[in-house]
Amino acid sequence: MDKFWMVWKVGDKGPTHKHPSLESAKTEAERLALIHALGTDEVVEMVILEALAVGRRRSIIWEDIRT
């Protein structure tokens, strides 16, 4: 898997888009901060998250819970 970054607005739902570069994530963070702060004195906090590791599992373990 290629390296990627995600942008998160503190206090909002989790990020959903993978950015292929740090610069792309920074540009998006600036764009979103401007949109969310438009017309308010609110301080908008944006965080750029970097993917550091990937966890994978090949199989699913099923447990029969029928009685």
N, C-alpha and C. Protein backbone atom coordinates (compact mmCIF):
# COMPACT_ATOMS: atom_id res chain seq x y z
N MET A 1 0.85 -1.17 0.00
CA MET A 1 0.00 0.00 0.00
C MET A 1 0.89 1.23 0.00
N ASP A 2 0.51 2.22 -0.78
CA ASP A 2 1.27 3.47 -0.85
C ASP A 2 0.98 4.34 0.37
N LYS A 3 1.93 5.16 0.70
CA LYS A 3 1.79 6.10 1.80
C LYS A 3 0.66 7.09 1.50
N PHE A 4 -0.06 7.53 2.55
CA PHE A 4 -1.11 8.52 2.34
C PHE A 4 -1.33 9.34 3.60
N TRP A 5 -2.05 10.45 3.45
CA TRP A 5 -2.38 11.36 4.54
C TRP A 5 -3.88 11.61 4.51
N MET A 6 -4.44 11.93 5.68
CA MET A 6 -5.87 12.25 5.78
C MET A 6 -6.02 13.53 6.60
N VAL A 7 -7.09 14.28 6.33
CA VAL A 7 -7.35 15.53 7.03
C VAL A 7 -8.56 15.34 7.95
N TRP A 8 -8.42 15.79 9.20
CA TRP A 8 -9.51 15.66 10.17
C TRP A 8 -9.76 17.00 10.83
N LYS A 9 -11.03 17.41 10.86
CA LYS A 9 -11.43 18.61 11.58
C LYS A 9 -11.75 18.17 13.01
N VAL A 10 -11.01 18.70 13.97
CA VAL A 10 -11.18 18.33 15.38
C VAL A 10 -12.63 18.55 15.79
N GLY A 11 -13.22 17.53 16.41
CA GLY A 11 -14.60 17.61 16.87
C GLY A 11 -15.62 17.19 15.83
N ASP A 12 -15.16 16.83 14.65
CA ASP A 12 -16.06 16.42 13.57
C ASP A 12 -15.90 14.92 13.33
N LYS A 13 -16.68 14.40 12.39
CA LYS A 13 -16.57 12.98 12.07
C LYS A 13 -15.18 12.68 11.51
N GLY A 14 -14.86 11.43 11.42
CA GLY A 14 -13.54 11.03 10.95
C GLY A 14 -13.29 11.34 9.49
N PRO A 15 -12.03 11.35 9.10
CA PRO A 15 -11.68 11.63 7.70
C PRO A 15 -12.10 10.48 6.79
N THR A 16 -12.31 10.81 5.52
CA THR A 16 -12.77 9.80 4.57
C THR A 16 -11.93 9.73 3.29
N HIS A 17 -11.09 10.72 3.05
CA HIS A 17 -10.35 10.77 1.78
C HIS A 17 -8.85 10.59 2.01
N LYS A 18 -8.24 9.72 1.22
CA LYS A 18 -6.79 9.52 1.27
C LYS A 18 -6.12 10.49 0.30
N HIS A 19 -5.16 11.25 0.82
CA HIS A 19 -4.40 12.18 -0.02
C HIS A 19 -3.05 11.54 -0.34
N PRO A 20 -2.65 11.59 -1.61
CA PRO A 20 -1.42 10.91 -2.01
C PRO A 20 -0.14 11.63 -1.59
N SER A 21 -0.27 12.89 -1.13
CA SER A 21 0.92 13.63 -0.71
C SER A 21 0.58 14.54 0.47
N LEU A 22 1.61 14.92 1.21
CA LEU A 22 1.43 15.84 2.32
C LEU A 22 0.93 17.19 1.80
N GLU A 23 1.46 17.63 0.68
CA GLU A 23 1.04 18.91 0.10
C GLU A 23 -0.45 18.91 -0.24
N SER A 24 -0.94 17.81 -0.79
CA SER A 24 -2.36 17.69 -1.11
C SER A 24 -3.21 17.77 0.16
N ALA A 25 -2.76 17.13 1.22
CA ALA A 25 -3.48 17.15 2.49
C ALA A 25 -3.47 18.56 3.09
N LYS A 26 -2.35 19.26 3.01
CA LYS A 26 -2.26 20.62 3.52
C LYS A 26 -3.20 21.55 2.77
N THR A 27 -3.23 21.42 1.46
CA THR A 27 -4.12 22.25 0.64
C THR A 27 -5.57 22.00 1.03
N GLU A 28 -5.94 20.75 1.23
CA GLU A 28 -7.30 20.41 1.61
C GLU A 28 -7.63 20.91 3.01
N ALA A 29 -6.68 20.81 3.93
CA ALA A 29 -6.89 21.31 5.29
C ALA A 29 -7.15 22.81 5.29
N GLU A 30 -6.40 23.54 4.50
CA GLU A 30 -6.60 24.99 4.38
C GLU A 30 -7.97 25.31 3.78
N ARG A 31 -8.33 24.57 2.74
CA ARG A 31 -9.63 24.79 2.09
C ARG A 31 -10.79 24.53 3.05
N LEU A 32 -10.72 23.43 3.77
CA LEU A 32 -11.78 23.08 4.71
C LEU A 32 -11.85 24.06 5.87
N ALA A 33 -10.70 24.50 6.38
CA ALA A 33 -10.68 25.46 7.48
C ALA A 33 -11.36 26.76 7.07
N LEU A 34 -11.08 27.22 5.86
CA LEU A 34 -11.72 28.45 5.38
C LEU A 34 -13.23 28.29 5.26
N ILE A 35 -13.67 27.15 4.76
CA ILE A 35 -15.12 26.90 4.61
C ILE A 35 -15.80 26.86 5.97
N HIS A 36 -15.21 26.15 6.93
CA HIS A 36 -15.84 25.97 8.24
C HIS A 36 -15.81 27.25 9.07
N ALA A 37 -14.85 28.13 8.83
CA ALA A 37 -14.74 29.36 9.62
C ALA A 37 -15.44 30.54 8.96
N LEU A 38 -15.95 30.35 7.76
CA LEU A 38 -16.55 31.43 6.99
C LEU A 38 -17.68 32.10 7.76
N GLY A 39 -17.57 33.41 7.95
CA GLY A 39 -18.62 34.19 8.61
C GLY A 39 -18.67 34.04 10.11
N THR A 40 -17.67 33.42 10.72
CA THR A 40 -17.65 33.26 12.18
C THR A 40 -16.28 33.66 12.72
N ASP A 41 -16.21 33.80 14.02
CA ASP A 41 -14.92 34.05 14.68
C ASP A 41 -14.34 32.75 15.22
N GLU A 42 -14.98 31.63 14.83
CA GLU A 42 -14.58 30.31 15.32
C GLU A 42 -13.14 29.98 14.89
N VAL A 43 -12.39 29.42 15.81
CA VAL A 43 -11.06 28.91 15.48
C VAL A 43 -11.25 27.46 15.05
N VAL A 44 -10.90 27.17 13.83
CA VAL A 44 -11.06 25.82 13.28
C VAL A 44 -9.72 25.11 13.35
N GLU A 45 -9.72 23.95 13.99
CA GLU A 45 -8.48 23.18 14.13
C GLU A 45 -8.53 21.99 13.18
N MET A 46 -7.57 21.97 12.27
CA MET A 46 -7.47 20.88 11.31
C MET A 46 -6.20 20.09 11.61
N VAL A 47 -6.30 18.77 11.54
CA VAL A 47 -5.16 17.90 11.82
C VAL A 47 -4.88 17.05 10.58
N ILE A 48 -3.62 16.94 10.22
CA ILE A 48 -3.23 16.06 9.12
C ILE A 48 -2.67 14.78 9.73
N LEU A 49 -3.27 13.67 9.36
CA LEU A 49 -2.88 12.36 9.87
C LEU A 49 -2.07 11.62 8.81
N GLU A 50 -0.96 11.03 9.23
CA GLU A 50 -0.12 10.27 8.31
C GLU A 50 -0.26 8.78 8.61
N ALA A 51 -0.49 7.99 7.57
CA ALA A 51 -0.58 6.53 7.75
C ALA A 51 0.83 5.99 8.00
N LEU A 52 0.97 5.27 9.10
CA LEU A 52 2.28 4.73 9.46
C LEU A 52 2.38 3.22 9.29
N ALA A 53 1.25 2.54 9.38
CA ALA A 53 1.26 1.09 9.29
C ALA A 53 -0.10 0.60 8.80
N VAL A 54 -0.12 -0.61 8.28
CA VAL A 54 -1.35 -1.23 7.80
C VAL A 54 -1.48 -2.60 8.45
N GLY A 55 -2.64 -2.90 8.99
CA GLY A 55 -2.90 -4.22 9.54
C GLY A 55 -3.76 -5.02 8.58
N ARG A 56 -3.42 -6.25 8.36
CA ARG A 56 -4.19 -7.10 7.43
C ARG A 56 -4.44 -8.45 8.07
N ARG A 57 -5.55 -9.04 7.69
CA ARG A 57 -5.86 -10.39 8.14
C ARG A 57 -6.46 -11.12 6.94
N ARG A 58 -6.01 -12.30 6.68
CA ARG A 58 -6.44 -13.04 5.51
C ARG A 58 -7.73 -13.82 5.71
N SER A 59 -8.02 -14.21 6.94
CA SER A 59 -9.20 -15.05 7.13
C SER A 59 -10.10 -14.48 8.22
N ILE A 60 -11.33 -14.89 8.19
CA ILE A 60 -12.31 -14.52 9.20
C ILE A 60 -12.56 -15.73 10.08
N ILE A 61 -12.56 -15.52 11.37
CA ILE A 61 -12.86 -16.61 12.29
C ILE A 61 -14.33 -16.49 12.68
N TRP A 62 -15.11 -17.51 12.34
CA TRP A 62 -16.55 -17.52 12.64
C TRP A 62 -16.80 -18.26 13.93
N GLU A 63 -17.71 -17.73 14.70
CA GLU A 63 -18.12 -18.38 15.95
C GLU A 63 -19.61 -18.66 15.85
N ASP A 64 -19.99 -19.90 16.01
CA ASP A 64 -21.40 -20.29 15.95
C ASP A 64 -22.06 -19.97 17.30
N ILE A 65 -22.98 -19.02 17.29
CA ILE A 65 -23.63 -18.62 18.55
C ILE A 65 -25.05 -19.15 18.66
N ARG A 66 -25.42 -20.04 17.73
CA ARG A 66 -26.75 -20.67 17.82
C ARG A 66 -26.74 -21.66 18.97
N THR A 67 -27.87 -21.81 19.63
CA THR A 67 -27.95 -22.79 20.72
C THR A 67 -28.91 -23.89 20.37
